[in-house]
PDB file of all heavy atoms in Angstrom:
ATOM      1  N   LYS A   1     -20.377 -15.046 -13.752  1.00  0.00           N
ATOM      2  CA  LYS A   1     -20.855 -13.884 -14.352  1.00  0.00           C
ATOM      3  C   LYS A   1     -21.824 -13.067 -13.448  1.00  0.00           C
ATOM      4  O   LYS A   1     -22.622 -13.702 -12.819  1.00  0.00           O
ATOM      5  CB  LYS A   1     -21.725 -14.281 -15.594  1.00  0.00           C
ATOM      6  CG  LYS A   1     -20.840 -14.952 -16.807  1.00  0.00           C
ATOM      7  CD  LYS A   1     -21.798 -15.355 -17.905  1.00  0.00           C
ATOM      8  CE  LYS A   1     -20.929 -16.062 -19.010  1.00  0.00           C
ATOM      9  NZ  LYS A   1     -21.754 -16.381 -20.198  1.00  0.00           N
ATOM     10  N   ASP A   2     -21.604 -11.862 -13.382  1.00  0.00           N
ATOM     11  CA  ASP A   2     -22.436 -11.027 -12.452  1.00  0.00           C
ATOM     12  C   ASP A   2     -23.109  -9.923 -13.339  1.00  0.00           C
ATOM     13  O   ASP A   2     -22.334  -9.162 -14.115  1.00  0.00           O
ATOM     14  CB  ASP A   2     -21.613 -10.445 -11.317  1.00  0.00           C
ATOM     15  CG  ASP A   2     -21.055 -11.391 -10.498  1.00  0.00           C
ATOM     16  OD1 ASP A   2     -21.903 -11.835  -9.491  1.00  0.00           O
ATOM     17  OD2 ASP A   2     -19.944 -11.906 -10.564  1.00  0.00           O
ATOM     18  N   ASN A   3     -24.381  -9.743 -13.266  1.00  0.00           N
ATOM     19  CA  ASN A   3     -25.035  -8.559 -13.783  1.00  0.00           C
ATOM     20  C   ASN A   3     -25.886  -7.801 -12.822  1.00  0.00           C
ATOM     21  O   ASN A   3     -26.576  -8.446 -12.036  1.00  0.00           O
ATOM     22  CB  ASN A   3     -25.925  -9.173 -14.963  1.00  0.00           C
ATOM     23  CG  ASN A   3     -25.212  -9.777 -16.084  1.00  0.00           C
ATOM     24  OD1 ASN A   3     -24.340  -9.109 -16.649  1.00  0.00           O
ATOM     25  ND2 ASN A   3     -25.513 -11.046 -16.345  1.00  0.00           N
ATOM     26  N   GLY A   4     -25.791  -6.522 -12.866  1.00  0.00           N
ATOM     27  CA  GLY A   4     -26.526  -5.738 -11.961  1.00  0.00           C
ATOM     28  C   GLY A   4     -27.062  -4.338 -12.580  1.00  0.00           C
ATOM     29  O   GLY A   4     -26.553  -3.941 -13.480  1.00  0.00           O
ATOM     30  N   ILE A   5     -28.112  -3.952 -11.797  1.00  0.00           N
ATOM     31  CA  ILE A   5     -28.752  -2.584 -12.223  1.00  0.00           C
ATOM     32  C   ILE A   5     -29.199  -1.904 -10.962  1.00  0.00           C
ATOM     33  O   ILE A   5     -29.772  -2.639 -10.051  1.00  0.00           O
ATOM     34  CB  ILE A   5     -29.895  -2.911 -13.225  1.00  0.00           C
ATOM     35  CG1 ILE A   5     -30.345  -1.419 -13.685  1.00  0.00           C
ATOM     36  CG2 ILE A   5     -31.003  -3.613 -12.715  1.00  0.00           C
ATOM     37  CD1 ILE A   5     -31.332  -1.456 -14.935  1.00  0.00           C
ATOM     38  N   GLY A   6     -28.901  -0.688 -10.820  1.00  0.00           N
ATOM     39  CA  GLY A   6     -29.378  -0.046  -9.534  1.00  0.00           C
ATOM     40  C   GLY A   6     -29.421   1.448  -9.771  1.00  0.00           C
ATOM     41  O   GLY A   6     -29.365   2.060 -10.796  1.00  0.00           O
ATOM     42  N   ALA A   7     -29.729   2.152  -8.620  1.00  0.00           N
ATOM     43  CA  ALA A   7     -29.956   3.613  -8.613  1.00  0.00           C
ATOM     44  C   ALA A   7     -29.613   4.030  -7.185  1.00  0.00           C
ATOM     45  O   ALA A   7     -29.646   3.250  -6.289  1.00  0.00           O
ATOM     46  CB  ALA A   7     -31.306   4.091  -9.083  1.00  0.00           C
ATOM     47  N   GLY A   8     -29.531   5.360  -7.067  1.00  0.00           N
ATOM     48  CA  GLY A   8     -29.376   5.941  -5.666  1.00  0.00           C
ATOM     49  C   GLY A   8     -28.933   7.425  -5.731  1.00  0.00           C
ATOM     50  O   GLY A   8     -28.528   7.996  -6.733  1.00  0.00           O
ATOM     51  N   PRO A   9     -29.088   8.080  -4.593  1.00  0.00           N
ATOM     52  CA  PRO A   9     -28.638   9.455  -4.415  1.00  0.00           C
ATOM     53  C   PRO A   9     -27.130   9.668  -4.284  1.00  0.00           C
ATOM     54  O   PRO A   9     -26.448   8.789  -3.785  1.00  0.00           O
ATOM     55  CB  PRO A   9     -29.457   9.984  -3.265  1.00  0.00           C
ATOM     56  CG  PRO A   9     -29.507   8.746  -2.392  1.00  0.00           C
ATOM     57  CD  PRO A   9     -29.675   7.554  -3.272  1.00  0.00           C
ATOM     58  N   PHE A  10     -26.738  10.876  -4.417  1.00  0.00           N
ATOM     59  CA  PHE A  10     -25.328  11.233  -4.204  1.00  0.00           C
ATOM     60  C   PHE A  10     -25.238  12.753  -3.860  1.00  0.00           C
ATOM     61  O   PHE A  10     -26.286  13.529  -4.108  1.00  0.00           O
ATOM     62  CB  PHE A  10     -24.409  10.921  -5.454  1.00  0.00           C
ATOM     63  CG  PHE A  10     -24.793  11.821  -6.679  1.00  0.00           C
ATOM     64  CD1 PHE A  10     -24.280  13.036  -6.898  1.00  0.00           C
ATOM     65  CD2 PHE A  10     -25.684  11.286  -7.641  1.00  0.00           C
ATOM     66  CE1 PHE A  10     -24.688  13.820  -8.045  1.00  0.00           C
ATOM     67  CE2 PHE A  10     -26.052  12.014  -8.689  1.00  0.00           C
ATOM     68  CZ  PHE A  10     -25.510  13.293  -8.887  1.00  0.00           C
ATOM     69  N   CYS A  11     -24.108  13.113  -3.270  1.00  0.00           N
ATOM     70  CA  CYS A  11     -23.994  14.594  -3.025  1.00  0.00           C
ATOM     71  C   CYS A  11     -22.362  14.777  -2.765  1.00  0.00           C
ATOM     72  O   CYS A  11     -21.692  13.855  -2.551  1.00  0.00           O
ATOM     73  CB  CYS A  11     -24.673  15.073  -1.700  1.00  0.00           C
ATOM     74  SG  CYS A  11     -24.106  14.138  -0.272  1.00  0.00           S
ATOM     75  N   GLY A  12     -22.021  16.068  -2.959  1.00  0.00           N
ATOM     76  CA  GLY A  12     -20.596  16.312  -2.784  1.00  0.00           C
ATOM     77  C   GLY A  12     -20.279  17.836  -2.758  1.00  0.00           C
ATOM     78  O   GLY A  12     -21.262  18.640  -2.906  1.00  0.00           O
ATOM     79  N   PHE A  13     -18.990  18.192  -2.552  1.00  0.00           N
ATOM     80  CA  PHE A  13     -18.588  19.591  -2.553  1.00  0.00           C
ATOM     81  C   PHE A  13     -17.521  19.751  -3.631  1.00  0.00           C
ATOM     82  O   PHE A  13     -16.741  18.827  -3.943  1.00  0.00           O
ATOM     83  CB  PHE A  13     -17.921  19.844  -1.201  1.00  0.00           C
ATOM     84  CG  PHE A  13     -18.885  20.042  -0.170  1.00  0.00           C
ATOM     85  CD1 PHE A  13     -19.307  19.047   0.706  1.00  0.00           C
ATOM     86  CD2 PHE A  13     -19.566  21.288   0.141  1.00  0.00           C
ATOM     87  CE1 PHE A  13     -20.168  19.220   1.735  1.00  0.00           C
ATOM     88  CE2 PHE A  13     -20.556  21.500   1.046  1.00  0.00           C
ATOM     89  CZ  PHE A  13     -20.847  20.416   1.912  1.00  0.00           C
ATOM     90  N   VAL A  14     -17.569  20.970  -4.256  1.00  0.00           N
ATOM     91  CA  VAL A  14     -16.675  21.426  -5.270  1.00  0.00           C
ATOM     92  C   VAL A  14     -15.797  22.566  -4.891  1.00  0.00           C
ATOM     93  O   VAL A  14     -16.318  23.541  -4.275  1.00  0.00           O
ATOM     94  CB  VAL A  14     -17.443  21.739  -6.536  1.00  0.00           C
ATOM     95  CG1 VAL A  14     -16.521  22.209  -7.763  1.00  0.00           C
ATOM     96  CG2 VAL A  14     -18.263  20.586  -7.171  1.00  0.00           C
ATOM     97  N   TRP A  15     -14.561  22.534  -5.225  1.00  0.00           N
ATOM     98  CA  TRP A  15     -13.633  23.602  -5.097  1.00  0.00           C
ATOM     99  C   TRP A  15     -13.257  24.131  -6.391  1.00  0.00           C
ATOM    100  O   TRP A  15     -12.509  23.386  -7.118  1.00  0.00           O
ATOM    101  CB  TRP A  15     -12.396  23.299  -4.208  1.00  0.00           C
ATOM    102  CG  TRP A  15     -11.422  24.376  -4.164  1.00  0.00           C
ATOM    103  CD1 TRP A  15     -11.681  25.651  -3.809  1.00  0.00           C
ATOM    104  CD2 TRP A  15      -9.927  24.294  -4.244  1.00  0.00           C
ATOM    105  NE1 TRP A  15     -10.538  26.492  -3.812  1.00  0.00           N
ATOM    106  CE2 TRP A  15      -9.466  25.565  -4.011  1.00  0.00           C
ATOM    107  CE3 TRP A  15      -9.070  23.228  -4.496  1.00  0.00           C
ATOM    108  CZ2 TRP A  15      -8.062  25.892  -4.110  1.00  0.00           C
ATOM    109  CZ3 TRP A  15      -7.782  23.426  -4.499  1.00  0.00           C
ATOM    110  CH2 TRP A  15      -7.154  24.669  -4.482  1.00  0.00           C
ATOM    111  N   LYS A  16     -13.647  25.338  -6.696  1.00  0.00           N
ATOM    112  CA  LYS A  16     -13.409  25.942  -8.087  1.00  0.00           C
ATOM    113  C   LYS A  16     -12.036  26.706  -7.981  1.00  0.00           C
ATOM    114  O   LYS A  16     -11.958  27.621  -7.452  1.00  0.00           O
ATOM    115  CB  LYS A  16     -14.530  26.793  -8.428  1.00  0.00           C
ATOM    116  CG  LYS A  16     -15.887  26.073  -8.639  1.00  0.00           C
ATOM    117  CD  LYS A  16     -16.996  27.027  -9.067  1.00  0.00           C
ATOM    118  CE  LYS A  16     -17.490  27.779  -7.675  1.00  0.00           C
ATOM    119  NZ  LYS A  16     -18.694  28.619  -7.876  1.00  0.00           N
ATOM    120  N   ILE A  17     -11.018  25.962  -8.694  1.00  0.00           N
ATOM    121  CA  ILE A  17      -9.760  26.625  -8.702  1.00  0.00           C
ATOM    122  C   ILE A  17      -9.783  27.868  -9.585  1.00  0.00           C
ATOM    123  O   ILE A  17      -9.149  28.919  -9.138  1.00  0.00           O
ATOM    124  CB  ILE A  17      -8.650  25.579  -9.202  1.00  0.00           C
ATOM    125  CG1 ILE A  17      -8.753  24.373  -8.325  1.00  0.00           C
ATOM    126  CG2 ILE A  17      -7.343  26.141  -9.326  1.00  0.00           C
ATOM    127  CD1 ILE A  17      -7.858  23.081  -8.914  1.00  0.00           C
ATOM    128  N   ASN A  18     -10.396  27.730 -10.705  1.00  0.00           N
ATOM    129  CA  ASN A  18     -10.537  28.873 -11.641  1.00  0.00           C
ATOM    130  C   ASN A  18     -11.906  28.690 -12.473  1.00  0.00           C
ATOM    131  O   ASN A  18     -12.471  27.580 -12.225  1.00  0.00           O
ATOM    132  CB  ASN A  18      -9.382  29.103 -12.553  1.00  0.00           C
ATOM    133  CG  ASN A  18      -9.032  27.945 -13.426  1.00  0.00           C
ATOM    134  OD1 ASN A  18      -9.840  27.458 -14.080  1.00  0.00           O
ATOM    135  ND2 ASN A  18      -7.713  27.644 -13.380  1.00  0.00           N
ATOM    136  N   PRO A  19     -12.315  29.466 -13.262  1.00  0.00           N
ATOM    137  CA  PRO A  19     -13.559  29.306 -13.999  1.00  0.00           C
ATOM    138  C   PRO A  19     -13.582  28.064 -14.808  1.00  0.00           C
ATOM    139  O   PRO A  19     -14.647  27.537 -15.133  1.00  0.00           O
ATOM    140  CB  PRO A  19     -13.713  30.581 -14.937  1.00  0.00           C
ATOM    141  CG  PRO A  19     -12.902  31.609 -14.217  1.00  0.00           C
ATOM    142  CD  PRO A  19     -11.834  30.867 -13.547  1.00  0.00           C
ATOM    143  N   ARG A  20     -12.503  27.403 -15.187  1.00  0.00           N
ATOM    144  CA  ARG A  20     -12.505  26.329 -16.051  1.00  0.00           C
ATOM    145  C   ARG A  20     -12.011  24.971 -15.301  1.00  0.00           C
ATOM    146  O   ARG A  20     -12.384  23.826 -15.806  1.00  0.00           O
ATOM    147  CB  ARG A  20     -11.483  26.487 -17.203  1.00  0.00           C
ATOM    148  CG  ARG A  20     -11.837  27.640 -18.168  1.00  0.00           C
ATOM    149  CD  ARG A  20     -11.066  27.599 -19.380  1.00  0.00           C
ATOM    150  NE  ARG A  20     -11.291  26.429 -20.171  1.00  0.00           N
ATOM    151  CZ  ARG A  20     -10.802  26.151 -21.390  1.00  0.00           C
ATOM    152  NH1 ARG A  20      -9.903  27.077 -21.884  1.00  0.00           N
ATOM    153  NH2 ARG A  20     -11.138  25.110 -22.001  1.00  0.00           N
ATOM    154  N   VAL A  21     -11.330  25.038 -14.170  1.00  0.00           N
ATOM    155  CA  VAL A  21     -10.829  23.944 -13.544  1.00  0.00           C
ATOM    156  C   VAL A  21     -11.446  23.826 -12.154  1.00  0.00           C
ATOM    157  O   VAL A  21     -11.362  24.720 -11.389  1.00  0.00           O
ATOM    158  CB  VAL A  21      -9.317  23.846 -13.483  1.00  0.00           C
ATOM    159  CG1 VAL A  21      -8.793  22.637 -12.783  1.00  0.00           C
ATOM    160  CG2 VAL A  21      -8.670  24.013 -14.911  1.00  0.00           C
ATOM    161  N   SER A  22     -11.906  22.616 -11.707  1.00  0.00           N
ATOM    162  CA  SER A  22     -12.344  22.415 -10.366  1.00  0.00           C
ATOM    163  C   SER A  22     -12.031  21.060  -9.857  1.00  0.00           C
ATOM    164  O   SER A  22     -11.627  20.101 -10.658  1.00  0.00           O
ATOM    165  CB  SER A  22     -13.951  22.390 -10.384  1.00  0.00           C
ATOM    166  OG  SER A  22     -14.441  23.750 -10.884  1.00  0.00           O
ATOM    167  N   MET A  23     -11.978  20.877  -8.547  1.00  0.00           N
ATOM    168  CA  MET A  23     -11.773  19.638  -7.926  1.00  0.00           C
ATOM    169  C   MET A  23     -12.947  19.338  -6.923  1.00  0.00           C
ATOM    170  O   MET A  23     -13.412  20.325  -6.269  1.00  0.00           O
ATOM    171  CB  MET A  23     -10.454  19.659  -7.165  1.00  0.00           C
ATOM    172  CG  MET A  23      -9.163  19.805  -7.994  1.00  0.00           C
ATOM    173  SD  MET A  23      -7.663  19.697  -7.031  1.00  0.00           S
ATOM    174  CE  MET A  23      -7.582  17.944  -6.634  1.00  0.00           C
ATOM    175  N   PHE A  24     -13.380  18.046  -6.859  1.00  0.00           N
ATOM    176  CA  PHE A  24     -14.456  17.781  -5.992  1.00  0.00           C
ATOM    177  C   PHE A  24     -14.368  16.332  -5.429  1.00  0.00           C
ATOM    178  O   PHE A  24     -13.613  15.610  -5.929  1.00  0.00           O
ATOM    179  CB  PHE A  24     -15.788  18.010  -6.707  1.00  0.00           C
ATOM    180  CG  PHE A  24     -16.033  17.081  -7.900  1.00  0.00           C
ATOM    181  CD1 PHE A  24     -16.780  15.935  -7.762  1.00  0.00           C
ATOM    182  CD2 PHE A  24     -15.546  17.439  -9.137  1.00  0.00           C
ATOM    183  CE1 PHE A  24     -17.074  15.064  -8.751  1.00  0.00           C
ATOM    184  CE2 PHE A  24     -15.855  16.573 -10.242  1.00  0.00           C
ATOM    185  CZ  PHE A  24     -16.542  15.462 -10.079  1.00  0.00           C
ATOM    186  N   THR A  25     -15.261  16.062  -4.518  1.00  0.00           N
ATOM    187  CA  THR A  25     -15.345  14.722  -3.956  1.00  0.00           C
ATOM    188  C   THR A  25     -16.933  14.618  -3.631  1.00  0.00           C
ATOM    189  O   THR A  25     -17.627  15.427  -3.580  1.00  0.00           O
ATOM    190  CB  THR A  25     -14.540  14.525  -2.686  1.00  0.00           C
ATOM    191  OG1 THR A  25     -14.702  13.204  -2.267  1.00  0.00           O
ATOM    192  CG2 THR A  25     -15.066  15.436  -1.586  1.00  0.00           C
ATOM    193  N   GLU A  26     -17.273  13.268  -3.594  1.00  0.00           N
ATOM    194  CA  GLU A  26     -18.744  13.063  -3.516  1.00  0.00           C
ATOM    195  C   GLU A  26     -18.973  11.652  -2.641  1.00  0.00           C
ATOM    196  O   GLU A  26     -18.068  10.862  -2.587  1.00  0.00           O
ATOM    197  CB  GLU A  26     -19.443  13.016  -4.735  1.00  0.00           C
ATOM    198  CG  GLU A  26     -18.980  11.803  -5.787  1.00  0.00           C
ATOM    199  CD  GLU A  26     -19.871  11.873  -6.995  1.00  0.00           C
ATOM    200  OE1 GLU A  26     -19.779  12.721  -7.768  1.00  0.00           O
ATOM    201  OE2 GLU A  26     -20.580  10.828  -7.242  1.00  0.00           O
ATOM    202  N   ALA A  27     -20.154  11.604  -2.156  1.00  0.00           N
ATOM    203  CA  ALA A  27     -20.645  10.448  -1.483  1.00  0.00           C
ATOM    204  C   ALA A  27     -21.883   9.881  -2.049  1.00  0.00           C
ATOM    205  O   ALA A  27     -22.478  10.738  -2.754  1.00  0.00           O
ATOM    206  CB  ALA A  27     -20.865  10.589   0.044  1.00  0.00           C
ATOM    207  N   ASN A  28     -22.162   8.573  -2.012  1.00  0.00           N
ATOM    208  CA  ASN A  28     -23.344   8.133  -2.664  1.00  0.00           C
ATOM    209  C   ASN A  28     -23.888   6.937  -1.872  1.00  0.00           C
ATOM    210  O   ASN A  28     -23.247   6.249  -0.986  1.00  0.00           O
ATOM    211  CB  ASN A  28     -23.034   7.702  -4.101  1.00  0.00           C
ATOM    212  CG  ASN A  28     -22.067   6.588  -4.287  1.00  0.00           C
ATOM    213  OD1 ASN A  28     -22.128   5.496  -3.768  1.00  0.00           O
ATOM    214  ND2 ASN A  28     -20.831   6.967  -4.856  1.00  0.00           N
ATOM    215  N   PHE A  29     -25.088   6.598  -2.252  1.00  0.00           N
ATOM    216  CA  PHE A  29     -25.785   5.413  -1.524  1.00  0.00           C
ATOM    217  C   PHE A  29     -26.608   4.707  -2.639  1.00  0.00           C
ATOM    218  O   PHE A  29     -27.701   5.010  -2.901  1.00  0.00           O
ATOM    219  CB  PHE A  29     -26.615   5.937  -0.327  1.00  0.00           C
ATOM    220  CG  PHE A  29     -27.257   4.759   0.484  1.00  0.00           C
ATOM    221  CD1 PHE A  29     -26.455   4.102   1.374  1.00  0.00           C
ATOM    222  CD2 PHE A  29     -28.629   4.314   0.231  1.00  0.00           C
ATOM    223  CE1 PHE A  29     -26.963   3.111   2.149  1.00  0.00           C
ATOM    224  CE2 PHE A  29     -29.120   3.317   0.937  1.00  0.00           C
ATOM    225  CZ  PHE A  29     -28.352   2.688   1.840  1.00  0.00           C
ATOM    226  N   TYR A  30     -26.038   3.656  -3.163  1.00  0.00           N
ATOM    227  CA  TYR A  30     -26.750   2.988  -4.278  1.00  0.00           C
ATOM    228  C   TYR A  30     -27.364   1.676  -3.736  1.00  0.00           C
ATOM    229  O   TYR A  30     -26.882   0.971  -2.894  1.00  0.00           O
ATOM    230  CB  TYR A  30     -25.664   2.549  -5.415  1.00  0.00           C
ATOM    231  CG  TYR A  30     -25.104   3.754  -6.143  1.00  0.00           C
ATOM    232  CD1 TYR A  30     -23.730   3.792  -6.362  1.00  0.00           C
ATOM    233  CD2 TYR A  30     -25.884   4.848  -6.441  1.00  0.00           C
ATOM    234  CE1 TYR A  30     -23.120   4.874  -7.005  1.00  0.00           C
ATOM    235  CE2 TYR A  30     -25.264   5.822  -7.125  1.00  0.00           C
ATOM    236  CZ  TYR A  30     -23.932   5.857  -7.374  1.00  0.00           C
ATOM    237  OH  TYR A  30     -23.377   7.046  -8.039  1.00  0.00           O
ATOM    238  N   ALA A  31     -28.519   1.406  -4.369  1.00  0.00           N
ATOM    239  CA  ALA A  31     -29.182   0.072  -4.176  1.00  0.00           C
ATOM    240  C   ALA A  31     -29.068  -0.651  -5.510  1.00  0.00           C
ATOM    241  O   ALA A  31     -29.413  -0.012  -6.579  1.00  0.00           O
ATOM    242  CB  ALA A  31     -30.626   0.271  -3.778  1.00  0.00           C
ATOM    243  N   GLN A  32     -28.604  -1.784  -5.515  1.00  0.00           N
ATOM    244  CA  GLN A  32     -28.359  -2.596  -6.812  1.00  0.00           C
ATOM    245  C   GLN A  32     -28.868  -4.058  -6.695  1.00  0.00           C
ATOM    246  O   GLN A  32     -28.688  -4.681  -5.807  1.00  0.00           O
ATOM    247  CB  GLN A  32     -26.893  -2.607  -7.159  1.00  0.00           C
ATOM    248  CG  GLN A  32     -26.568  -3.244  -8.471  1.00  0.00           C
ATOM    249  CD  GLN A  32     -25.269  -2.730  -8.958  1.00  0.00           C
ATOM    250  OE1 GLN A  32     -24.788  -1.657  -8.859  1.00  0.00           O
ATOM    251  NE2 GLN A  32     -24.400  -3.773  -9.488  1.00  0.00           N
ATOM    252  N   TYR A  33     -29.572  -4.309  -7.782  1.00  0.00           N
ATOM    253  CA  TYR A  33     -30.113  -5.795  -8.005  1.00  0.00           C
ATOM    254  C   TYR A  33     -29.152  -6.498  -8.815  1.00  0.00           C
ATOM    255  O   TYR A  33     -28.866  -6.129  -9.866  1.00  0.00           O
ATOM    256  CB  TYR A  33     -31.463  -5.639  -8.565  1.00  0.00           C
ATOM    257  CG  TYR A  33     -32.100  -7.087  -8.835  1.00  0.00           C
ATOM    258  CD1 TYR A  33     -32.552  -7.824  -8.013  1.00  0.00           C
ATOM    259  CD2 TYR A  33     -31.942  -7.603 -10.227  1.00  0.00           C
ATOM    260  CE1 TYR A  33     -33.115  -9.195  -8.188  1.00  0.00           C
ATOM    261  CE2 TYR A  33     -32.429  -8.888 -10.485  1.00  0.00           C
ATOM    262  CZ  TYR A  33     -33.068  -9.595  -9.544  1.00  0.00           C
ATOM    263  OH  TYR A  33     -33.448 -10.861  -9.812  1.00  0.00           O
ATOM    264  N   THR A  34     -28.620  -7.572  -8.223  1.00  0.00           N
ATOM    265  CA  THR A  34     -27.559  -8.345  -8.930  1.00  0.00           C
ATOM    266  C   THR A  34     -27.804  -9.851  -9.113  1.00  0.00           C
ATOM    267  O   THR A  34     -28.368 -10.456  -8.206  1.00  0.00           O
ATOM    268  CB  THR A  34     -26.204  -8.146  -8.138  1.00  0.00           C
ATOM    269  OG1 THR A  34     -25.886  -6.794  -7.907  1.00  0.00           O
ATOM    270  CG2 THR A  34     -25.089  -8.908  -8.755  1.00  0.00           C
ATOM    271  N   THR A  35     -27.533 -10.377 -10.250  1.00  0.00           N
ATOM    272  CA  THR A  35     -27.631 -11.753 -10.417  1.00  0.00           C
ATOM    273  C   THR A  35     -26.203 -12.305 -10.707  1.00  0.00           C
ATOM    274  O   THR A  35     -25.427 -11.718 -11.234  1.00  0.00           O
ATOM    275  CB  THR A  35     -28.509 -12.127 -11.757  1.00  0.00           C
ATOM    276  OG1 THR A  35     -27.758 -11.547 -12.858  1.00  0.00           O
ATOM    277  CG2 THR A  35     -29.917 -11.538 -11.630  1.00  0.00           C
ATOM    278  N   THR A  36     -26.032 -13.634 -10.009  1.00  0.00           N
ATOM    279  CA  THR A  36     -24.626 -14.071 -10.058  1.00  0.00           C
ATOM    280  C   THR A  36     -24.814 -15.546 -10.498  1.00  0.00           C
ATOM    281  O   THR A  36     -25.724 -16.332  -9.977  1.00  0.00           O
ATOM    282  CB  THR A  36     -24.026 -14.165  -8.661  1.00  0.00           C
ATOM    283  OG1 THR A  36     -23.866 -12.830  -8.199  1.00  0.00           O
ATOM    284  CG2 THR A  36     -22.643 -14.789  -8.653  1.00  0.00           C
ATOM    285  N   TYR A  37     -23.918 -16.028 -11.396  1.00  0.00           N
ATOM    286  CA  TYR A  37     -24.033 -17.330 -11.903  1.00  0.00           C
ATOM    287  C   TYR A  37     -22.586 -17.834 -11.981  1.00  0.00           C
ATOM    288  O   TYR A  37     -21.748 -17.257 -12.799  1.00  0.00           O
ATOM    289  CB  TYR A  37     -24.650 -17.377 -13.339  1.00  0.00           C
ATOM    290  CG  TYR A  37     -24.741 -18.798 -13.928  1.00  0.00           C
ATOM    291  CD1 TYR A  37     -25.648 -19.716 -13.440  1.00  0.00           C
ATOM    292  CD2 TYR A  37     -23.959 -19.134 -15.023  1.00  0.00           C
ATOM    293  CE1 TYR A  37     -25.824 -20.908 -13.896  1.00  0.00           C
ATOM    294  CE2 TYR A  37     -24.121 -20.389 -15.637  1.00  0.00           C
ATOM    295  CZ  TYR A  37     -24.997 -21.234 -15.065  1.00  0.00           C
ATOM    296  OH  TYR A  37     -25.086 -22.523 -15.569  1.00  0.00           O
ATOM    297  N   ARG A  38     -22.228 -18.907 -11.281  1.00  0.00           N
ATOM    298  CA  ARG A  38     -20.870 -19.558 -11.298  1.00  0.00           C
ATOM    299  C   ARG A  38     -21.072 -21.027 -11.609  1.00  0.00           C
ATOM    300  O   ARG A  38     -21.900 -21.667 -11.056  1.00  0.00           O
ATOM    301  CB  ARG A  38     -20.220 -19.316  -9.956  1.00  0.00           C
ATOM    302  CG  ARG A  38     -19.820 -17.897  -9.580  1.00  0.00           C
ATOM    303  CD  ARG A  38     -18.863 -17.774  -8.526  1.00  0.00           C
ATOM    304  NE  ARG A  38     -19.336 -18.468  -7.363  1.00  0.00           N
ATOM    305  CZ  ARG A  38     -18.502 -19.508  -6.763  1.00  0.00           C
ATOM    306  NH1 ARG A  38     -17.339 -19.780  -7.280  1.00  0.00           N
ATOM    307  NH2 ARG A  38     -18.962 -20.140  -5.704  1.00  0.00           N
ATOM    308  N   TYR A  39     -20.085 -21.510 -12.413  1.00  0.00           N
ATOM    309  CA  TYR A  39     -20.102 -22.954 -12.712  1.00  0.00           C
ATOM    310  C   TYR A  39     -18.646 -23.459 -12.784  1.00  0.00           C
ATOM    311  O   TYR A  39     -17.788 -22.760 -13.152  1.00  0.00           O
ATOM    312  CB  TYR A  39     -20.972 -23.238 -13.930  1.00  0.00           C
ATOM    313  CG  TYR A  39     -20.424 -22.626 -15.161  1.00  0.00           C
ATOM    314  CD1 TYR A  39     -19.484 -23.362 -15.980  1.00  0.00           C
ATOM    315  CD2 TYR A  39     -20.788 -21.415 -15.629  1.00  0.00           C
ATOM    316  CE1 TYR A  39     -19.102 -22.780 -17.213  1.00  0.00           C
ATOM    317  CE2 TYR A  39     -20.253 -20.834 -16.753  1.00  0.00           C
ATOM    318  CZ  TYR A  39     -19.449 -21.582 -17.562  1.00  0.00           C
ATOM    319  OH  TYR A  39     -18.971 -20.974 -18.727  1.00  0.00           O
ATOM    320  N   LEU A  40     -18.651 -24.779 -12.688  1.00  0.00           N
ATOM    321  CA  LEU A  40     -17.329 -25.507 -12.822  1.00  0.00           C
ATOM    322  C   LEU A  40     -17.349 -26.410 -13.977  1.00  0.00           C
ATOM    323  O   LEU A  40     -18.292 -27.188 -14.197  1.00  0.00           O
ATOM    324  CB  LEU A  40     -17.019 -26.375 -11.561  1.00  0.00           C
ATOM    325  CG  LEU A  40     -15.940 -27.371 -11.536  1.00  0.00           C
ATOM    326  CD1 LEU A  40     -14.611 -26.629 -11.840  1.00  0.00           C
ATOM    327  CD2 LEU A  40     -15.863 -28.310 -10.461  1.00  0.00           C
TER     328      LEU A  40
END
């Protein structure tokens, strides 16, 4: 079982095909605090 919570910035570029449809890509840099529990 893994549980995590985090936050971070992102940025990207958008190509507007028309007023209603767009395509885009983005990059991000997240910091996340995670707890891991494994058992047999």
